[in-house]
Each structure stands twice: as structure tokens, then as C-alpha cells.
Amino acid sequence: MLTWFKKLFAKEEEEKEDPMKYLIVGLGNMGREYDDTRHNIGFDVVDHLAEWGKVSFKNDNLGDVAEIKHKGRTLVLLKPSTFMNLSGKAVRYWGQKKKILPTNLLVVVDDLHLPLGQMRLKAKGGDGGHNGLKDINQILNTTKYTRLRIGIGDEFGKGQQVNFVLGKWTAKEQEQLPEIIKTAGEAIKSYATIGLSHTMNQFNK
């Protein structure tokens, strides 16, 4: 079975992970200067789930953490404080600490290869050029975890990719954001309750 870390002692009794508990990681960058930027839509989605669940984030080791309950499941929401390119350390730490199966990990990321608001829920895959996913893949030594990619579009000129990704949403984009974020939240709740396959069929449109 896939595990988060190697045991220090062979005779140590293995602590069982909770199959009803999920780690939902929104990727982004901490700091007010990154608020309302395209690269932080992962943060926006888990913020929405926390608000929906009427809970607040608590600043803890390697990130801000909150927990919500939904139909018998526990969703551990995580916003890594390590900055995007070093997200893997926080993901591994909280997966281990909360005793969550690696198969119950879902990472929410922005994707400039998809049109604004289009979503792709996948069971595994490469990093697609996303530095946050790249670090998670390296730290966990696997690509077999669920990721929810949310399209941010690609309306930028030559050489302007970084500025676009780290840039603020336009007024027109901000009008569409609430519905996009709400839909992403519904997809995550569906994933945790009815499973990946059915959720992919419903939301990968």
C-alpha cells in the first residue's frame, strides 16, 4: 500500500489511516500581494469550502488548516504557507499528521491550458508545467493522487506568462469567479461522497 513515509522501526505498529477523511489542498502563495491573483484560485476554492462549512482557518505548521464535515466525511482543508514551489512538504506533513490515505488526497490548482472556468478532475498525471504539482510529485514520489485543474485562460502576450499567472483578475473575470469557485467546491464535495469516477463524469465538461 502507498504510504506517506517510511517507518523508523520495523516493529512499530502501523497507525491506520481513516478512509472517511480527505486532504483537500488549495495551492497558492501566502501574502496579501497575491490575493485575487489567478495563481491563487486554489486558495480561493478552499476558502469557499471553509466559509460554506462555517469554519475558520488556523495558522499551523507549514500552512493554514481547517476541517469541515460533509455526509459522514471529514475534509481537511489546507493552504500551504511554503509558497507554491515548495508545496510538497506541507502536503506530506498534513497527510501523515491527519492519517489520511494518499488516495484521499485532492489538490486544487490553476491551469492556463484550460479556458477560464473549465475544470478537469483527474486521478493522476504529470505536473503540466505547474511548479506546485512538480514539488508535490517529487516529495511524495508519486503522481497517483487526484487533482482538480481550474482553467484561468491564456490571454497573454509573448513573454508575459508569469505576469499573467501572478496578475490580478480583470473586472470581467471577477464577475465569473463566484460561480467558478462554487462549482469547484461542489465537485470536491461530490468527489468525497460519490467518488472520483461519477464526479469526473459530471464535472469534466
N, C-alpha and C. Protein backbone atom coordinates (compact mmCIF):
# COMPACT_ATOMS: atom_id res chain seq x y z
N MET A 1 0.85 -1.20 0.00
CA MET A 1 0.00 0.00 0.00
C MET A 1 0.89 1.25 0.00
N LEU A 2 0.45 2.24 -0.76
CA LEU A 2 1.17 3.51 -0.80
C LEU A 2 1.14 4.17 0.57
N THR A 3 2.28 4.63 1.05
CA THR A 3 2.35 5.27 2.36
C THR A 3 3.01 6.62 2.24
N TRP A 4 2.79 7.46 3.25
CA TRP A 4 3.33 8.82 3.24
C TRP A 4 4.82 8.83 3.57
N PHE A 5 5.26 7.91 4.37
CA PHE A 5 6.63 7.95 4.86
C PHE A 5 7.07 6.56 5.28
N LYS A 6 8.37 6.35 5.37
CA LYS A 6 8.89 5.07 5.82
C LYS A 6 8.90 5.01 7.34
N LYS A 7 8.58 3.85 7.86
CA LYS A 7 8.60 3.66 9.31
C LYS A 7 10.04 3.65 9.83
N LEU A 8 10.24 4.21 11.00
CA LEU A 8 11.57 4.26 11.59
C LEU A 8 11.97 2.90 12.15
N PHE A 9 10.96 2.18 12.64
CA PHE A 9 11.25 0.88 13.22
C PHE A 9 10.32 -0.16 12.60
N ALA A 10 10.90 -1.27 12.21
CA ALA A 10 10.11 -2.28 11.51
C ALA A 10 9.00 -2.84 12.38
N LYS A 11 9.21 -2.87 13.70
CA LYS A 11 8.24 -3.46 14.60
C LYS A 11 7.20 -2.45 15.09
N GLU A 12 7.36 -1.19 14.67
CA GLU A 12 6.41 -0.18 15.11
C GLU A 12 5.02 -0.49 14.55
N GLU A 13 4.04 -0.43 15.41
CA GLU A 13 2.67 -0.73 14.96
C GLU A 13 2.19 0.37 14.02
N GLU A 14 1.71 -0.03 12.87
CA GLU A 14 1.27 0.93 11.86
C GLU A 14 -0.06 1.56 12.27
N GLU A 15 -0.07 2.87 12.25
CA GLU A 15 -1.32 3.59 12.56
C GLU A 15 -2.19 3.59 11.31
N LYS A 16 -3.43 3.24 11.48
CA LYS A 16 -4.32 3.12 10.33
C LYS A 16 -4.86 4.48 9.90
N GLU A 17 -4.85 4.69 8.58
CA GLU A 17 -5.44 5.91 8.04
C GLU A 17 -6.96 5.79 8.03
N ASP A 18 -7.62 6.91 8.06
CA ASP A 18 -9.08 6.96 8.10
C ASP A 18 -9.62 7.09 6.67
N PRO A 19 -10.32 6.07 6.16
CA PRO A 19 -10.81 6.12 4.77
C PRO A 19 -11.92 7.14 4.56
N MET A 20 -12.46 7.69 5.65
CA MET A 20 -13.54 8.68 5.54
C MET A 20 -12.99 10.11 5.68
N LYS A 21 -11.68 10.22 5.66
CA LYS A 21 -11.06 11.54 5.82
C LYS A 21 -10.29 11.89 4.55
N TYR A 22 -10.41 13.14 4.11
CA TYR A 22 -9.80 13.58 2.87
C TYR A 22 -8.96 14.83 3.11
N LEU A 23 -7.84 14.92 2.40
CA LEU A 23 -7.00 16.11 2.46
C LEU A 23 -7.22 16.91 1.17
N ILE A 24 -7.79 18.10 1.33
CA ILE A 24 -8.09 18.96 0.19
C ILE A 24 -7.11 20.13 0.23
N VAL A 25 -6.19 20.16 -0.72
CA VAL A 25 -5.13 21.16 -0.73
C VAL A 25 -5.38 22.19 -1.83
N GLY A 26 -5.48 23.43 -1.45
CA GLY A 26 -5.56 24.52 -2.42
C GLY A 26 -4.18 25.13 -2.56
N LEU A 27 -3.65 25.18 -3.77
CA LEU A 27 -2.32 25.74 -3.96
C LEU A 27 -2.40 27.24 -4.23
N GLY A 28 -1.41 27.94 -3.69
CA GLY A 28 -1.34 29.39 -3.85
C GLY A 28 -0.12 29.92 -3.15
N ASN A 29 -0.03 31.23 -3.08
CA ASN A 29 1.07 31.88 -2.39
C ASN A 29 0.52 32.74 -1.26
N MET A 30 1.10 32.62 -0.09
CA MET A 30 0.71 33.44 1.05
C MET A 30 1.18 34.89 0.83
N GLY A 31 0.45 35.82 1.44
CA GLY A 31 0.83 37.23 1.33
C GLY A 31 -0.26 38.02 0.64
N ARG A 32 -0.55 39.19 1.17
CA ARG A 32 -1.65 39.99 0.63
C ARG A 32 -1.42 40.40 -0.82
N GLU A 33 -0.15 40.49 -1.21
CA GLU A 33 0.13 40.89 -2.59
C GLU A 33 -0.32 39.83 -3.60
N TYR A 34 -0.58 38.61 -3.11
CA TYR A 34 -1.03 37.54 -4.00
C TYR A 34 -2.55 37.33 -3.97
N ASP A 35 -3.23 38.07 -3.11
CA ASP A 35 -4.69 37.96 -3.06
C ASP A 35 -5.29 38.36 -4.40
N ASP A 36 -6.34 37.66 -4.80
CA ASP A 36 -7.08 37.97 -6.03
C ASP A 36 -6.23 37.82 -7.28
N THR A 37 -5.24 36.93 -7.23
CA THR A 37 -4.45 36.63 -8.43
C THR A 37 -4.86 35.27 -8.98
N ARG A 38 -4.61 35.08 -10.26
CA ARG A 38 -5.03 33.84 -10.92
C ARG A 38 -4.36 32.60 -10.32
N HIS A 39 -3.10 32.75 -9.93
CA HIS A 39 -2.34 31.62 -9.40
C HIS A 39 -2.89 31.13 -8.05
N ASN A 40 -3.71 31.95 -7.40
CA ASN A 40 -4.21 31.61 -6.07
C ASN A 40 -5.63 31.07 -6.07
N ILE A 41 -6.12 30.63 -7.20
CA ILE A 41 -7.50 30.15 -7.23
C ILE A 41 -7.67 28.90 -6.36
N GLY A 42 -6.60 28.15 -6.15
CA GLY A 42 -6.68 27.01 -5.24
C GLY A 42 -7.01 27.45 -3.83
N PHE A 43 -6.38 28.53 -3.37
CA PHE A 43 -6.71 29.11 -2.07
C PHE A 43 -8.17 29.55 -2.04
N ASP A 44 -8.62 30.19 -3.13
CA ASP A 44 -9.99 30.71 -3.17
C ASP A 44 -11.01 29.59 -3.01
N VAL A 45 -10.73 28.44 -3.61
CA VAL A 45 -11.68 27.32 -3.54
C VAL A 45 -11.77 26.75 -2.13
N VAL A 46 -10.63 26.55 -1.47
CA VAL A 46 -10.71 26.02 -0.10
C VAL A 46 -11.24 27.07 0.87
N ASP A 47 -11.01 28.35 0.59
CA ASP A 47 -11.63 29.42 1.38
C ASP A 47 -13.15 29.33 1.28
N HIS A 48 -13.63 29.08 0.07
CA HIS A 48 -15.07 28.94 -0.15
C HIS A 48 -15.63 27.75 0.64
N LEU A 49 -14.92 26.63 0.63
CA LEU A 49 -15.39 25.46 1.37
C LEU A 49 -15.42 25.73 2.86
N ALA A 50 -14.41 26.44 3.37
CA ALA A 50 -14.40 26.77 4.80
C ALA A 50 -15.57 27.68 5.15
N GLU A 51 -15.84 28.63 4.29
CA GLU A 51 -16.98 29.53 4.52
C GLU A 51 -18.29 28.76 4.47
N TRP A 52 -18.40 27.85 3.50
CA TRP A 52 -19.60 27.02 3.38
C TRP A 52 -19.78 26.17 4.64
N GLY A 53 -18.68 25.64 5.16
CA GLY A 53 -18.74 24.80 6.34
C GLY A 53 -18.75 25.57 7.65
N LYS A 54 -18.71 26.91 7.54
CA LYS A 54 -18.75 27.80 8.70
C LYS A 54 -17.62 27.51 9.70
N VAL A 55 -16.42 27.36 9.13
CA VAL A 55 -15.23 27.17 9.96
C VAL A 55 -14.18 28.19 9.55
N SER A 56 -13.21 28.37 10.42
CA SER A 56 -12.13 29.31 10.15
C SER A 56 -10.81 28.56 10.06
N PHE A 57 -9.91 29.10 9.26
CA PHE A 57 -8.58 28.52 9.15
C PHE A 57 -7.74 28.89 10.37
N LYS A 58 -6.90 27.95 10.77
CA LYS A 58 -5.97 28.17 11.85
C LYS A 58 -4.55 28.06 11.30
N ASN A 59 -3.74 29.06 11.60
CA ASN A 59 -2.35 29.01 11.15
C ASN A 59 -1.60 27.95 11.96
N ASP A 60 -1.01 26.99 11.27
CA ASP A 60 -0.32 25.89 11.93
C ASP A 60 0.97 25.60 11.18
N ASN A 61 1.58 24.50 11.51
CA ASN A 61 2.85 24.14 10.90
C ASN A 61 2.72 23.97 9.39
N LEU A 62 3.47 24.73 8.63
CA LEU A 62 3.55 24.64 7.17
C LEU A 62 2.27 25.06 6.45
N GLY A 63 1.29 25.60 7.16
CA GLY A 63 0.10 26.04 6.44
C GLY A 63 -1.06 26.45 7.32
N ASP A 64 -2.11 26.93 6.67
CA ASP A 64 -3.38 27.23 7.33
C ASP A 64 -4.30 26.04 7.14
N VAL A 65 -4.95 25.61 8.22
CA VAL A 65 -5.72 24.36 8.20
C VAL A 65 -7.11 24.58 8.79
N ALA A 66 -8.09 23.91 8.21
CA ALA A 66 -9.46 23.91 8.73
C ALA A 66 -10.07 22.55 8.42
N GLU A 67 -11.12 22.19 9.14
CA GLU A 67 -11.81 20.92 8.89
C GLU A 67 -13.31 21.15 8.79
N ILE A 68 -13.93 20.50 7.81
CA ILE A 68 -15.38 20.55 7.68
C ILE A 68 -15.91 19.12 7.59
N LYS A 69 -17.17 18.96 7.95
CA LYS A 69 -17.84 17.66 7.86
C LYS A 69 -18.87 17.72 6.74
N HIS A 70 -18.97 16.63 6.00
CA HIS A 70 -19.96 16.56 4.91
C HIS A 70 -20.34 15.11 4.68
N LYS A 71 -21.59 14.79 5.01
CA LYS A 71 -22.16 13.47 4.76
C LYS A 71 -21.27 12.34 5.29
N GLY A 72 -20.84 12.50 6.52
CA GLY A 72 -20.04 11.47 7.17
C GLY A 72 -18.56 11.51 6.84
N ARG A 73 -18.17 12.43 5.97
CA ARG A 73 -16.77 12.57 5.62
C ARG A 73 -16.16 13.77 6.33
N THR A 74 -14.87 13.71 6.57
CA THR A 74 -14.12 14.84 7.11
C THR A 74 -13.20 15.36 6.02
N LEU A 75 -13.34 16.63 5.72
CA LEU A 75 -12.48 17.27 4.72
C LEU A 75 -11.50 18.18 5.44
N VAL A 76 -10.23 17.81 5.40
CA VAL A 76 -9.17 18.64 5.97
C VAL A 76 -8.71 19.60 4.88
N LEU A 77 -8.94 20.88 5.09
CA LEU A 77 -8.59 21.90 4.10
C LEU A 77 -7.22 22.47 4.44
N LEU A 78 -6.37 22.55 3.44
CA LEU A 78 -5.00 23.02 3.67
C LEU A 78 -4.60 24.07 2.64
N LYS A 79 -4.05 25.18 3.15
CA LYS A 79 -3.41 26.20 2.31
C LYS A 79 -1.93 26.24 2.74
N PRO A 80 -1.05 25.60 1.98
CA PRO A 80 0.36 25.58 2.37
C PRO A 80 0.94 27.00 2.50
N SER A 81 1.76 27.20 3.51
CA SER A 81 2.40 28.50 3.71
C SER A 81 3.84 28.49 3.21
N THR A 82 4.18 27.47 2.44
CA THR A 82 5.56 27.27 1.98
C THR A 82 5.84 27.96 0.66
N PHE A 83 4.87 28.66 0.12
CA PHE A 83 4.90 29.18 -1.24
C PHE A 83 4.72 28.02 -2.22
N MET A 84 4.19 28.39 -3.38
CA MET A 84 3.75 27.42 -4.37
C MET A 84 4.80 26.36 -4.70
N ASN A 85 6.04 26.79 -4.93
CA ASN A 85 7.07 25.88 -5.44
C ASN A 85 7.57 24.87 -4.41
N LEU A 86 7.13 25.00 -3.15
CA LEU A 86 7.57 24.09 -2.09
C LEU A 86 6.38 23.45 -1.38
N SER A 87 5.29 23.26 -2.10
CA SER A 87 4.04 22.78 -1.50
C SER A 87 4.11 21.35 -1.00
N GLY A 88 4.99 20.55 -1.57
CA GLY A 88 5.02 19.12 -1.25
C GLY A 88 5.28 18.82 0.22
N LYS A 89 6.13 19.60 0.85
CA LYS A 89 6.47 19.36 2.25
C LYS A 89 5.23 19.48 3.13
N ALA A 90 4.41 20.49 2.87
CA ALA A 90 3.18 20.70 3.66
C ALA A 90 2.18 19.59 3.40
N VAL A 91 2.05 19.18 2.16
CA VAL A 91 1.11 18.11 1.81
C VAL A 91 1.49 16.82 2.52
N ARG A 92 2.76 16.47 2.47
CA ARG A 92 3.22 15.24 3.13
C ARG A 92 3.00 15.31 4.64
N TYR A 93 3.34 16.45 5.23
CA TYR A 93 3.23 16.60 6.69
C TYR A 93 1.79 16.43 7.15
N TRP A 94 0.85 17.10 6.49
CA TRP A 94 -0.55 17.05 6.94
C TRP A 94 -1.23 15.74 6.57
N GLY A 95 -0.82 15.12 5.49
CA GLY A 95 -1.34 13.80 5.17
C GLY A 95 -0.96 12.80 6.24
N GLN A 96 0.29 12.88 6.68
CA GLN A 96 0.77 11.99 7.73
C GLN A 96 0.13 12.32 9.07
N LYS A 97 0.10 13.59 9.43
CA LYS A 97 -0.40 14.01 10.73
C LYS A 97 -1.88 13.66 10.92
N LYS A 98 -2.66 13.84 9.86
CA LYS A 98 -4.10 13.58 9.96
C LYS A 98 -4.47 12.15 9.60
N LYS A 99 -3.45 11.34 9.31
CA LYS A 99 -3.67 9.92 8.98
C LYS A 99 -4.66 9.75 7.83
N ILE A 100 -4.33 10.41 6.74
CA ILE A 100 -5.18 10.37 5.55
C ILE A 100 -4.54 9.49 4.49
N LEU A 101 -5.34 8.62 3.89
CA LEU A 101 -4.85 7.79 2.80
C LEU A 101 -4.35 8.67 1.66
N PRO A 102 -3.20 8.37 1.09
CA PRO A 102 -2.73 9.13 -0.07
C PRO A 102 -3.74 9.13 -1.22
N THR A 103 -4.54 8.07 -1.31
CA THR A 103 -5.58 8.01 -2.34
C THR A 103 -6.72 8.98 -2.05
N ASN A 104 -6.76 9.56 -0.85
CA ASN A 104 -7.79 10.54 -0.48
C ASN A 104 -7.24 11.96 -0.50
N LEU A 105 -6.21 12.16 -1.29
CA LEU A 105 -5.62 13.49 -1.47
C LEU A 105 -6.15 14.12 -2.75
N LEU A 106 -6.62 15.36 -2.65
CA LEU A 106 -7.04 16.13 -3.82
C LEU A 106 -6.35 17.49 -3.77
N VAL A 107 -5.73 17.88 -4.87
CA VAL A 107 -5.03 19.16 -4.97
C VAL A 107 -5.72 20.04 -5.99
N VAL A 108 -6.02 21.27 -5.61
CA VAL A 108 -6.70 22.23 -6.49
C VAL A 108 -5.67 23.21 -7.03
N VAL A 109 -5.59 23.30 -8.37
CA VAL A 109 -4.58 24.16 -8.99
C VAL A 109 -5.18 24.96 -10.15
N ASP A 110 -4.49 26.05 -10.48
CA ASP A 110 -4.84 26.83 -11.66
C ASP A 110 -4.21 26.17 -12.89
N ASP A 111 -4.84 26.37 -14.05
CA ASP A 111 -4.33 25.77 -15.28
C ASP A 111 -4.55 26.75 -16.44
N LEU A 112 -3.45 27.27 -16.99
CA LEU A 112 -3.58 28.22 -18.09
C LEU A 112 -3.77 27.54 -19.43
N HIS A 113 -3.75 26.20 -19.43
CA HIS A 113 -4.01 25.45 -20.66
C HIS A 113 -5.50 25.19 -20.87
N LEU A 114 -6.32 25.59 -19.90
CA LEU A 114 -7.77 25.43 -20.00
C LEU A 114 -8.43 26.80 -20.06
N PRO A 115 -9.53 26.92 -20.80
CA PRO A 115 -10.27 28.19 -20.83
C PRO A 115 -10.77 28.55 -19.43
N LEU A 116 -10.99 29.81 -19.21
CA LEU A 116 -11.42 30.29 -17.91
C LEU A 116 -12.66 29.52 -17.42
N GLY A 117 -12.54 28.92 -16.24
CA GLY A 117 -13.66 28.24 -15.61
C GLY A 117 -13.81 26.79 -15.97
N GLN A 118 -13.16 26.33 -17.03
CA GLN A 118 -13.26 24.92 -17.38
C GLN A 118 -12.48 24.09 -16.37
N MET A 119 -13.01 22.92 -16.01
CA MET A 119 -12.38 22.11 -14.97
C MET A 119 -12.04 20.72 -15.49
N ARG A 120 -10.96 20.19 -14.95
CA ARG A 120 -10.55 18.83 -15.26
C ARG A 120 -10.17 18.14 -13.96
N LEU A 121 -10.95 17.13 -13.60
CA LEU A 121 -10.66 16.31 -12.43
C LEU A 121 -9.98 15.04 -12.91
N LYS A 122 -8.79 14.75 -12.39
CA LYS A 122 -8.02 13.60 -12.86
C LYS A 122 -7.50 12.80 -11.67
N ALA A 123 -7.38 11.49 -11.87
CA ALA A 123 -6.91 10.60 -10.81
C ALA A 123 -5.40 10.64 -10.64
N LYS A 124 -4.69 11.02 -11.69
CA LYS A 124 -3.24 11.05 -11.64
C LYS A 124 -2.75 11.85 -12.85
N GLY A 125 -1.45 12.01 -12.95
CA GLY A 125 -0.91 12.71 -14.11
C GLY A 125 0.36 13.45 -13.78
N GLY A 126 0.95 14.06 -14.81
CA GLY A 126 2.16 14.84 -14.64
C GLY A 126 1.87 16.20 -14.05
N ASP A 127 2.91 17.03 -14.00
CA ASP A 127 2.72 18.35 -13.41
C ASP A 127 2.22 19.39 -14.41
N GLY A 128 2.31 19.08 -15.71
CA GLY A 128 1.81 20.01 -16.71
C GLY A 128 2.49 21.37 -16.66
N GLY A 129 3.72 21.40 -16.15
CA GLY A 129 4.43 22.67 -16.06
C GLY A 129 4.11 23.47 -14.82
N HIS A 130 3.27 22.92 -13.94
CA HIS A 130 2.88 23.63 -12.72
C HIS A 130 3.88 23.30 -11.62
N ASN A 131 4.55 24.33 -11.10
CA ASN A 131 5.62 24.11 -10.12
C ASN A 131 5.13 23.54 -8.80
N GLY A 132 3.91 23.87 -8.42
CA GLY A 132 3.35 23.31 -7.19
C GLY A 132 3.18 21.81 -7.30
N LEU A 133 2.59 21.37 -8.40
CA LEU A 133 2.42 19.93 -8.63
C LEU A 133 3.76 19.24 -8.78
N LYS A 134 4.70 19.90 -9.41
CA LYS A 134 6.02 19.31 -9.59
C LYS A 134 6.67 19.00 -8.25
N ASP A 135 6.57 19.92 -7.29
CA ASP A 135 7.17 19.69 -5.99
C ASP A 135 6.44 18.60 -5.22
N ILE A 136 5.11 18.57 -5.33
CA ILE A 136 4.34 17.52 -4.66
C ILE A 136 4.72 16.16 -5.22
N ASN A 137 4.83 16.05 -6.54
CA ASN A 137 5.22 14.79 -7.16
C ASN A 137 6.58 14.32 -6.65
N GLN A 138 7.50 15.24 -6.52
CA GLN A 138 8.85 14.89 -6.08
C GLN A 138 8.88 14.47 -4.61
N ILE A 139 8.19 15.24 -3.76
CA ILE A 139 8.20 14.96 -2.33
C ILE A 139 7.47 13.65 -2.01
N LEU A 140 6.32 13.43 -2.65
CA LEU A 140 5.55 12.21 -2.39
C LEU A 140 6.06 11.02 -3.20
N ASN A 141 6.89 11.33 -4.20
CA ASN A 141 7.43 10.29 -5.08
C ASN A 141 6.32 9.51 -5.78
N THR A 142 5.29 10.22 -6.17
CA THR A 142 4.18 9.60 -6.91
C THR A 142 3.39 10.69 -7.63
N THR A 143 2.72 10.29 -8.70
CA THR A 143 1.78 11.19 -9.38
C THR A 143 0.36 10.67 -9.24
N LYS A 144 0.20 9.62 -8.42
CA LYS A 144 -1.10 8.97 -8.28
C LYS A 144 -1.91 9.59 -7.15
N TYR A 145 -2.35 10.80 -7.36
CA TYR A 145 -3.27 11.47 -6.44
C TYR A 145 -4.18 12.36 -7.29
N THR A 146 -5.34 12.65 -6.76
CA THR A 146 -6.34 13.40 -7.53
C THR A 146 -5.99 14.88 -7.56
N ARG A 147 -6.19 15.47 -8.73
CA ARG A 147 -6.01 16.91 -8.85
C ARG A 147 -7.19 17.51 -9.61
N LEU A 148 -7.61 18.69 -9.16
CA LEU A 148 -8.67 19.43 -9.81
C LEU A 148 -8.03 20.66 -10.45
N ARG A 149 -7.96 20.63 -11.77
CA ARG A 149 -7.38 21.75 -12.51
C ARG A 149 -8.50 22.72 -12.90
N ILE A 150 -8.29 24.00 -12.63
CA ILE A 150 -9.27 25.02 -12.95
C ILE A 150 -8.68 25.99 -13.96
N GLY A 151 -9.32 26.11 -15.10
CA GLY A 151 -8.80 26.96 -16.16
C GLY A 151 -8.80 28.44 -15.80
N ILE A 152 -7.68 29.09 -16.12
CA ILE A 152 -7.59 30.55 -15.92
C ILE A 152 -7.41 31.26 -17.26
N GLY A 153 -7.41 30.49 -18.36
CA GLY A 153 -7.25 31.10 -19.67
C GLY A 153 -5.79 31.37 -20.00
N ASP A 154 -5.58 31.88 -21.21
CA ASP A 154 -4.21 32.16 -21.66
C ASP A 154 -4.14 33.46 -22.44
N GLU A 155 -4.85 34.45 -21.94
CA GLU A 155 -4.91 35.75 -22.63
C GLU A 155 -3.70 36.61 -22.27
N PHE A 156 -2.55 36.20 -22.76
CA PHE A 156 -1.35 36.98 -22.50
C PHE A 156 -0.45 36.97 -23.73
N GLY A 157 0.37 38.01 -23.85
CA GLY A 157 1.27 38.13 -24.98
C GLY A 157 2.56 37.35 -24.77
N LYS A 158 3.39 37.33 -25.78
CA LYS A 158 4.64 36.60 -25.74
C LYS A 158 5.52 37.11 -24.59
N GLY A 159 6.01 36.16 -23.79
CA GLY A 159 6.88 36.51 -22.68
C GLY A 159 6.16 37.03 -21.45
N GLN A 160 4.82 37.01 -21.46
CA GLN A 160 4.05 37.59 -20.36
C GLN A 160 3.35 36.55 -19.49
N GLN A 161 3.75 35.29 -19.65
CA GLN A 161 3.06 34.21 -18.92
C GLN A 161 3.12 34.41 -17.41
N VAL A 162 4.31 34.68 -16.87
CA VAL A 162 4.45 34.83 -15.42
C VAL A 162 3.61 36.00 -14.91
N ASN A 163 3.67 37.12 -15.63
CA ASN A 163 2.88 38.28 -15.22
C ASN A 163 1.39 37.99 -15.26
N PHE A 164 0.97 37.20 -16.24
CA PHE A 164 -0.45 36.84 -16.36
C PHE A 164 -0.88 35.95 -15.20
N VAL A 165 -0.11 34.91 -14.94
CA VAL A 165 -0.46 33.95 -13.88
C VAL A 165 -0.49 34.63 -12.51
N LEU A 166 0.48 35.49 -12.27
CA LEU A 166 0.57 36.17 -10.97
C LEU A 166 -0.22 37.47 -10.95
N GLY A 167 -0.91 37.77 -12.05
CA GLY A 167 -1.66 39.02 -12.14
C GLY A 167 -3.04 38.92 -11.51
N LYS A 168 -3.64 40.08 -11.28
CA LYS A 168 -4.98 40.16 -10.71
C LYS A 168 -6.03 39.83 -11.77
N TRP A 169 -7.15 39.32 -11.31
CA TRP A 169 -8.28 39.07 -12.20
C TRP A 169 -8.79 40.39 -12.78
N THR A 170 -9.23 40.35 -14.02
CA THR A 170 -9.87 41.53 -14.59
C THR A 170 -11.29 41.66 -14.03
N ALA A 171 -11.89 42.82 -14.22
CA ALA A 171 -13.26 43.04 -13.74
C ALA A 171 -14.22 42.04 -14.36
N LYS A 172 -14.04 41.74 -15.64
CA LYS A 172 -14.91 40.78 -16.33
C LYS A 172 -14.73 39.38 -15.76
N GLU A 173 -13.49 38.99 -15.49
CA GLU A 173 -13.22 37.67 -14.92
C GLU A 173 -13.80 37.56 -13.51
N GLN A 174 -13.71 38.64 -12.75
CA GLN A 174 -14.22 38.62 -11.38
C GLN A 174 -15.72 38.39 -11.33
N GLU A 175 -16.42 38.79 -12.38
CA GLU A 175 -17.87 38.56 -12.43
C GLU A 175 -18.18 37.06 -12.53
N GLN A 176 -17.28 36.31 -13.16
CA GLN A 176 -17.50 34.88 -13.35
C GLN A 176 -16.96 34.03 -12.20
N LEU A 177 -16.04 34.60 -11.42
CA LEU A 177 -15.35 33.83 -10.39
C LEU A 177 -16.25 33.16 -9.36
N PRO A 178 -17.24 33.87 -8.79
CA PRO A 178 -18.06 33.22 -7.75
C PRO A 178 -18.67 31.90 -8.21
N GLU A 179 -19.17 31.86 -9.44
CA GLU A 179 -19.80 30.64 -9.94
C GLU A 179 -18.75 29.55 -10.19
N ILE A 180 -17.58 29.95 -10.70
CA ILE A 180 -16.50 29.00 -10.93
C ILE A 180 -16.06 28.35 -9.62
N ILE A 181 -15.85 29.19 -8.61
CA ILE A 181 -15.39 28.70 -7.31
C ILE A 181 -16.44 27.82 -6.65
N LYS A 182 -17.70 28.23 -6.76
CA LYS A 182 -18.79 27.44 -6.20
C LYS A 182 -18.86 26.05 -6.86
N THR A 183 -18.73 26.02 -8.17
CA THR A 183 -18.77 24.75 -8.90
C THR A 183 -17.61 23.85 -8.50
N ALA A 184 -16.43 24.44 -8.33
CA ALA A 184 -15.27 23.66 -7.87
C ALA A 184 -15.53 23.07 -6.50
N GLY A 185 -16.14 23.84 -5.62
CA GLY A 185 -16.48 23.34 -4.29
C GLY A 185 -17.45 22.17 -4.35
N GLU A 186 -18.43 22.27 -5.24
CA GLU A 186 -19.39 21.18 -5.40
C GLU A 186 -18.70 19.92 -5.94
N ALA A 187 -17.74 20.11 -6.83
CA ALA A 187 -17.01 18.97 -7.38
C ALA A 187 -16.22 18.26 -6.28
N ILE A 188 -15.63 19.02 -5.39
CA ILE A 188 -14.84 18.44 -4.30
C ILE A 188 -15.74 17.67 -3.34
N LYS A 189 -16.87 18.23 -2.99
CA LYS A 189 -17.81 17.54 -2.09
C LYS A 189 -18.33 16.26 -2.75
N SER A 190 -18.57 16.33 -4.05
CA SER A 190 -19.03 15.15 -4.78
C SER A 190 -17.95 14.07 -4.79
N TYR A 191 -16.72 14.46 -5.03
CA TYR A 191 -15.59 13.53 -5.04
C TYR A 191 -15.48 12.78 -3.72
N ALA A 192 -15.69 13.48 -2.62
CA ALA A 192 -15.54 12.86 -1.30
C ALA A 192 -16.72 11.98 -0.92
N THR A 193 -17.84 12.11 -1.63
CA THR A 193 -19.03 11.35 -1.25
C THR A 193 -19.41 10.27 -2.26
N ILE A 194 -19.50 10.63 -3.54
CA ILE A 194 -19.92 9.62 -4.53
C ILE A 194 -18.76 9.06 -5.33
N GLY A 195 -17.55 9.58 -5.10
CA GLY A 195 -16.37 9.00 -5.73
C GLY A 195 -15.87 9.75 -6.96
N LEU A 196 -14.67 9.40 -7.35
CA LEU A 196 -13.98 10.10 -8.44
C LEU A 196 -14.64 9.89 -9.79
N SER A 197 -14.97 8.65 -10.12
CA SER A 197 -15.48 8.34 -11.46
C SER A 197 -16.76 9.09 -11.77
N HIS A 198 -17.73 9.02 -10.87
CA HIS A 198 -19.00 9.71 -11.10
C HIS A 198 -18.81 11.22 -11.12
N THR A 199 -17.92 11.72 -10.29
CA THR A 199 -17.68 13.17 -10.25
C THR A 199 -17.01 13.64 -11.53
N MET A 200 -16.10 12.86 -12.05
CA MET A 200 -15.46 13.21 -13.32
C MET A 200 -16.49 13.29 -14.44
N ASN A 201 -17.40 12.34 -14.48
CA ASN A 201 -18.43 12.33 -15.49
C ASN A 201 -19.33 13.57 -15.41
N GLN A 202 -19.54 14.03 -14.21
CA GLN A 202 -20.44 15.17 -14.01
C GLN A 202 -19.76 16.52 -14.26
N PHE A 203 -18.51 16.66 -13.86
CA PHE A 203 -17.88 17.98 -13.87
C PHE A 203 -16.85 18.19 -14.97
N ASN A 204 -16.35 17.12 -15.59
CA ASN A 204 -15.38 17.29 -16.67
C ASN A 204 -16.10 17.53 -17.99
N LYS A 205 -16.67 18.71 -18.12
CA LYS A 205 -17.46 19.02 -19.30
C LYS A 205 -16.69 19.97 -20.21
